[in-house]
Amino acid sequence: MKVPKFLLGDNSEFQDHIFVVHTEFPRFIIDLTIDEIEWLEEFDRQDEDELATETENAIKEATAWYDEEIKKYDVD
């Protein structure tokens, strides 16, 4: 099965939150409503520099992806 890089997450207990799941390394779930990240990876100290750059890029990509997805649902 091919899994998309980003998935939109929904949960009735968190009705006012917007979750995006990043399925590639570094895997994480971001709550775009409060800009909080839950990591699904464990990291070594050696990976910190690369991780900082990768994370920043992944968060920007997740936010841009979400914005584009929502545009598809906007009805004029």
N, C-alpha and C. Protein backbone atom coordinates (compact mmCIF):
# COMPACT_ATOMS: atom_id res chain seq x y z
N MET A 1 0.84 -1.17 0.00
CA MET A 1 0.00 0.00 0.00
C MET A 1 0.89 1.24 0.00
N LYS A 2 0.56 2.18 -0.84
CA LYS A 2 1.27 3.45 -0.87
C LYS A 2 0.55 4.43 0.06
N VAL A 3 1.31 5.02 0.96
CA VAL A 3 0.76 5.95 1.93
C VAL A 3 1.18 7.37 1.54
N PRO A 4 0.24 8.32 1.54
CA PRO A 4 0.59 9.70 1.20
C PRO A 4 1.56 10.29 2.23
N LYS A 5 2.31 11.27 1.81
CA LYS A 5 3.26 11.94 2.70
C LYS A 5 2.53 12.65 3.84
N PHE A 6 1.38 13.23 3.56
CA PHE A 6 0.58 13.93 4.56
C PHE A 6 -0.82 13.35 4.63
N LEU A 7 -1.34 13.29 5.84
CA LEU A 7 -2.71 12.86 6.08
C LEU A 7 -3.37 13.88 6.98
N LEU A 8 -4.63 14.15 6.74
CA LEU A 8 -5.39 15.04 7.60
C LEU A 8 -6.02 14.20 8.69
N GLY A 9 -5.81 14.59 9.94
CA GLY A 9 -6.33 13.82 11.07
C GLY A 9 -7.52 14.51 11.70
N ASP A 10 -8.46 13.72 12.19
CA ASP A 10 -9.67 14.25 12.79
C ASP A 10 -10.01 13.39 14.01
N ASN A 11 -10.53 14.05 15.05
CA ASN A 11 -10.92 13.31 16.24
C ASN A 11 -12.03 14.10 16.93
N SER A 12 -13.14 13.44 17.24
CA SER A 12 -14.29 14.14 17.82
C SER A 12 -13.99 14.72 19.21
N GLU A 13 -12.98 14.21 19.90
CA GLU A 13 -12.61 14.75 21.21
C GLU A 13 -11.85 16.07 21.09
N PHE A 14 -11.35 16.35 19.90
CA PHE A 14 -10.58 17.57 19.65
C PHE A 14 -11.20 18.30 18.46
N GLN A 15 -12.46 18.67 18.59
CA GLN A 15 -13.21 19.22 17.48
C GLN A 15 -12.65 20.52 16.92
N ASP A 16 -11.99 21.30 17.72
CA ASP A 16 -11.48 22.60 17.27
C ASP A 16 -10.02 22.53 16.82
N HIS A 17 -9.47 21.33 16.68
CA HIS A 17 -8.07 21.17 16.32
C HIS A 17 -7.92 20.64 14.90
N ILE A 18 -6.82 21.01 14.27
CA ILE A 18 -6.50 20.58 12.92
C ILE A 18 -5.19 19.80 12.98
N PHE A 19 -5.25 18.50 12.71
CA PHE A 19 -4.07 17.65 12.77
C PHE A 19 -3.61 17.28 11.36
N VAL A 20 -2.31 17.37 11.14
CA VAL A 20 -1.70 16.87 9.92
C VAL A 20 -0.66 15.84 10.34
N VAL A 21 -0.72 14.66 9.75
CA VAL A 21 0.23 13.58 10.04
C VAL A 21 1.26 13.54 8.91
N HIS A 22 2.53 13.63 9.28
CA HIS A 22 3.64 13.54 8.32
C HIS A 22 4.15 12.11 8.42
N THR A 23 4.04 11.35 7.32
CA THR A 23 4.32 9.91 7.37
C THR A 23 5.74 9.52 7.00
N GLU A 24 6.53 10.50 6.54
CA GLU A 24 7.92 10.22 6.18
C GLU A 24 8.85 10.77 7.27
N PHE A 25 10.09 10.34 7.24
CA PHE A 25 11.05 10.80 8.24
C PHE A 25 11.28 12.29 8.12
N PRO A 26 11.26 13.02 9.19
CA PRO A 26 10.91 12.63 10.56
C PRO A 26 9.39 12.61 10.73
N ARG A 27 8.86 11.48 11.15
CA ARG A 27 7.42 11.31 11.28
C ARG A 27 6.92 12.10 12.49
N PHE A 28 5.80 12.78 12.30
CA PHE A 28 5.21 13.55 13.38
C PHE A 28 3.76 13.85 13.10
N ILE A 29 3.07 14.30 14.13
CA ILE A 29 1.72 14.83 14.01
C ILE A 29 1.81 16.27 14.48
N ILE A 30 1.30 17.19 13.66
CA ILE A 30 1.29 18.59 14.06
C ILE A 30 -0.15 19.04 14.22
N ASP A 31 -0.39 19.75 15.30
CA ASP A 31 -1.68 20.39 15.52
C ASP A 31 -1.52 21.82 15.04
N LEU A 32 -2.05 22.11 13.87
CA LEU A 32 -1.89 23.43 13.28
C LEU A 32 -2.61 24.52 14.05
N THR A 33 -3.58 24.13 14.86
CA THR A 33 -4.33 25.11 15.64
C THR A 33 -3.46 25.75 16.72
N ILE A 34 -2.60 24.94 17.33
CA ILE A 34 -1.76 25.45 18.42
C ILE A 34 -0.26 25.30 18.14
N ASP A 35 0.07 24.91 16.91
CA ASP A 35 1.47 24.73 16.50
C ASP A 35 2.25 23.83 17.45
N GLU A 36 1.66 22.71 17.80
CA GLU A 36 2.32 21.75 18.68
C GLU A 36 2.61 20.48 17.90
N ILE A 37 3.79 19.89 18.15
CA ILE A 37 4.21 18.69 17.42
C ILE A 37 4.37 17.52 18.37
N GLU A 38 3.88 16.37 17.92
CA GLU A 38 4.10 15.10 18.62
C GLU A 38 4.97 14.26 17.71
N TRP A 39 6.18 13.94 18.16
CA TRP A 39 7.12 13.17 17.35
C TRP A 39 6.79 11.69 17.41
N LEU A 40 6.90 11.03 16.28
CA LEU A 40 6.69 9.59 16.20
C LEU A 40 8.02 8.88 15.97
N GLU A 41 9.11 9.58 16.23
CA GLU A 41 10.47 9.07 16.04
C GLU A 41 11.26 9.28 17.33
N GLU A 42 12.30 8.50 17.49
CA GLU A 42 13.29 8.75 18.52
C GLU A 42 14.55 9.22 17.83
N PHE A 43 15.21 10.22 18.39
CA PHE A 43 16.35 10.84 17.73
C PHE A 43 17.62 10.70 18.57
N ASP A 44 18.74 10.56 17.85
CA ASP A 44 20.05 10.57 18.48
C ASP A 44 20.57 12.00 18.52
N ARG A 45 21.47 12.26 19.43
CA ARG A 45 22.09 13.58 19.51
C ARG A 45 22.77 13.95 18.19
N GLN A 46 23.32 12.97 17.50
CA GLN A 46 24.03 13.20 16.24
C GLN A 46 23.11 13.76 15.17
N ASP A 47 21.84 13.46 15.26
CA ASP A 47 20.88 13.85 14.23
C ASP A 47 20.31 15.25 14.43
N GLU A 48 20.67 15.93 15.51
CA GLU A 48 20.02 17.18 15.86
C GLU A 48 20.13 18.27 14.79
N ASP A 49 21.31 18.47 14.21
CA ASP A 49 21.45 19.52 13.20
C ASP A 49 20.61 19.22 11.97
N GLU A 50 20.72 18.00 11.47
CA GLU A 50 19.94 17.62 10.30
C GLU A 50 18.45 17.65 10.62
N LEU A 51 18.10 17.22 11.81
CA LEU A 51 16.71 17.18 12.23
C LEU A 51 16.11 18.58 12.27
N ALA A 52 16.84 19.55 12.75
CA ALA A 52 16.33 20.92 12.82
C ALA A 52 15.94 21.43 11.44
N THR A 53 16.81 21.20 10.46
CA THR A 53 16.53 21.65 9.10
C THR A 53 15.38 20.86 8.50
N GLU A 54 15.42 19.54 8.64
CA GLU A 54 14.36 18.68 8.10
C GLU A 54 13.00 19.03 8.72
N THR A 55 13.01 19.29 10.02
CA THR A 55 11.77 19.59 10.72
C THR A 55 11.17 20.90 10.23
N GLU A 56 11.98 21.91 10.13
CA GLU A 56 11.50 23.21 9.66
C GLU A 56 10.87 23.07 8.27
N ASN A 57 11.54 22.36 7.40
CA ASN A 57 11.02 22.15 6.04
C ASN A 57 9.72 21.34 6.07
N ALA A 58 9.69 20.30 6.87
CA ALA A 58 8.51 19.43 6.94
C ALA A 58 7.30 20.19 7.48
N ILE A 59 7.50 21.04 8.46
CA ILE A 59 6.41 21.83 9.03
C ILE A 59 5.88 22.82 7.99
N LYS A 60 6.76 23.46 7.28
CA LYS A 60 6.34 24.37 6.21
C LYS A 60 5.55 23.61 5.14
N GLU A 61 6.05 22.44 4.77
CA GLU A 61 5.36 21.62 3.77
C GLU A 61 4.00 21.18 4.26
N ALA A 62 3.90 20.78 5.53
CA ALA A 62 2.63 20.33 6.11
C ALA A 62 1.61 21.45 6.10
N THR A 63 2.05 22.64 6.47
CA THR A 63 1.16 23.80 6.50
C THR A 63 0.70 24.16 5.09
N ALA A 64 1.62 24.18 4.15
CA ALA A 64 1.28 24.49 2.75
C ALA A 64 0.34 23.43 2.19
N TRP A 65 0.61 22.16 2.49
CA TRP A 65 -0.25 21.07 2.01
C TRP A 65 -1.66 21.26 2.55
N TYR A 66 -1.78 21.55 3.83
CA TYR A 66 -3.10 21.74 4.43
C TYR A 66 -3.84 22.90 3.75
N ASP A 67 -3.16 24.00 3.55
CA ASP A 67 -3.78 25.16 2.91
C ASP A 67 -4.30 24.81 1.52
N GLU A 68 -3.52 24.05 0.75
CA GLU A 68 -3.95 23.63 -0.59
C GLU A 68 -5.13 22.67 -0.53
N GLU A 69 -5.13 21.76 0.43
CA GLU A 69 -6.24 20.82 0.58
C GLU A 69 -7.53 21.55 0.91
N ILE A 70 -7.46 22.52 1.79
CA ILE A 70 -8.64 23.27 2.20
C ILE A 70 -9.20 24.08 1.03
N LYS A 71 -8.34 24.60 0.19
CA LYS A 71 -8.80 25.35 -0.99
C LYS A 71 -9.69 24.48 -1.87
N LYS A 72 -9.41 23.19 -1.91
CA LYS A 72 -10.20 22.27 -2.74
C LYS A 72 -11.65 22.15 -2.23
N TYR A 73 -11.85 22.43 -0.95
CA TYR A 73 -13.19 22.31 -0.35
C TYR A 73 -13.93 23.64 -0.33
N ASP A 74 -13.23 24.73 -0.56
CA ASP A 74 -13.88 26.04 -0.57
C ASP A 74 -14.82 26.14 -1.77
N VAL A 75 -16.03 26.54 -1.48
CA VAL A 75 -17.02 26.70 -2.53
C VAL A 75 -17.32 28.18 -2.66
N ASP A 76 -17.21 28.69 -3.87
CA ASP A 76 -17.49 30.12 -4.09
C ASP A 76 -18.96 30.36 -4.24
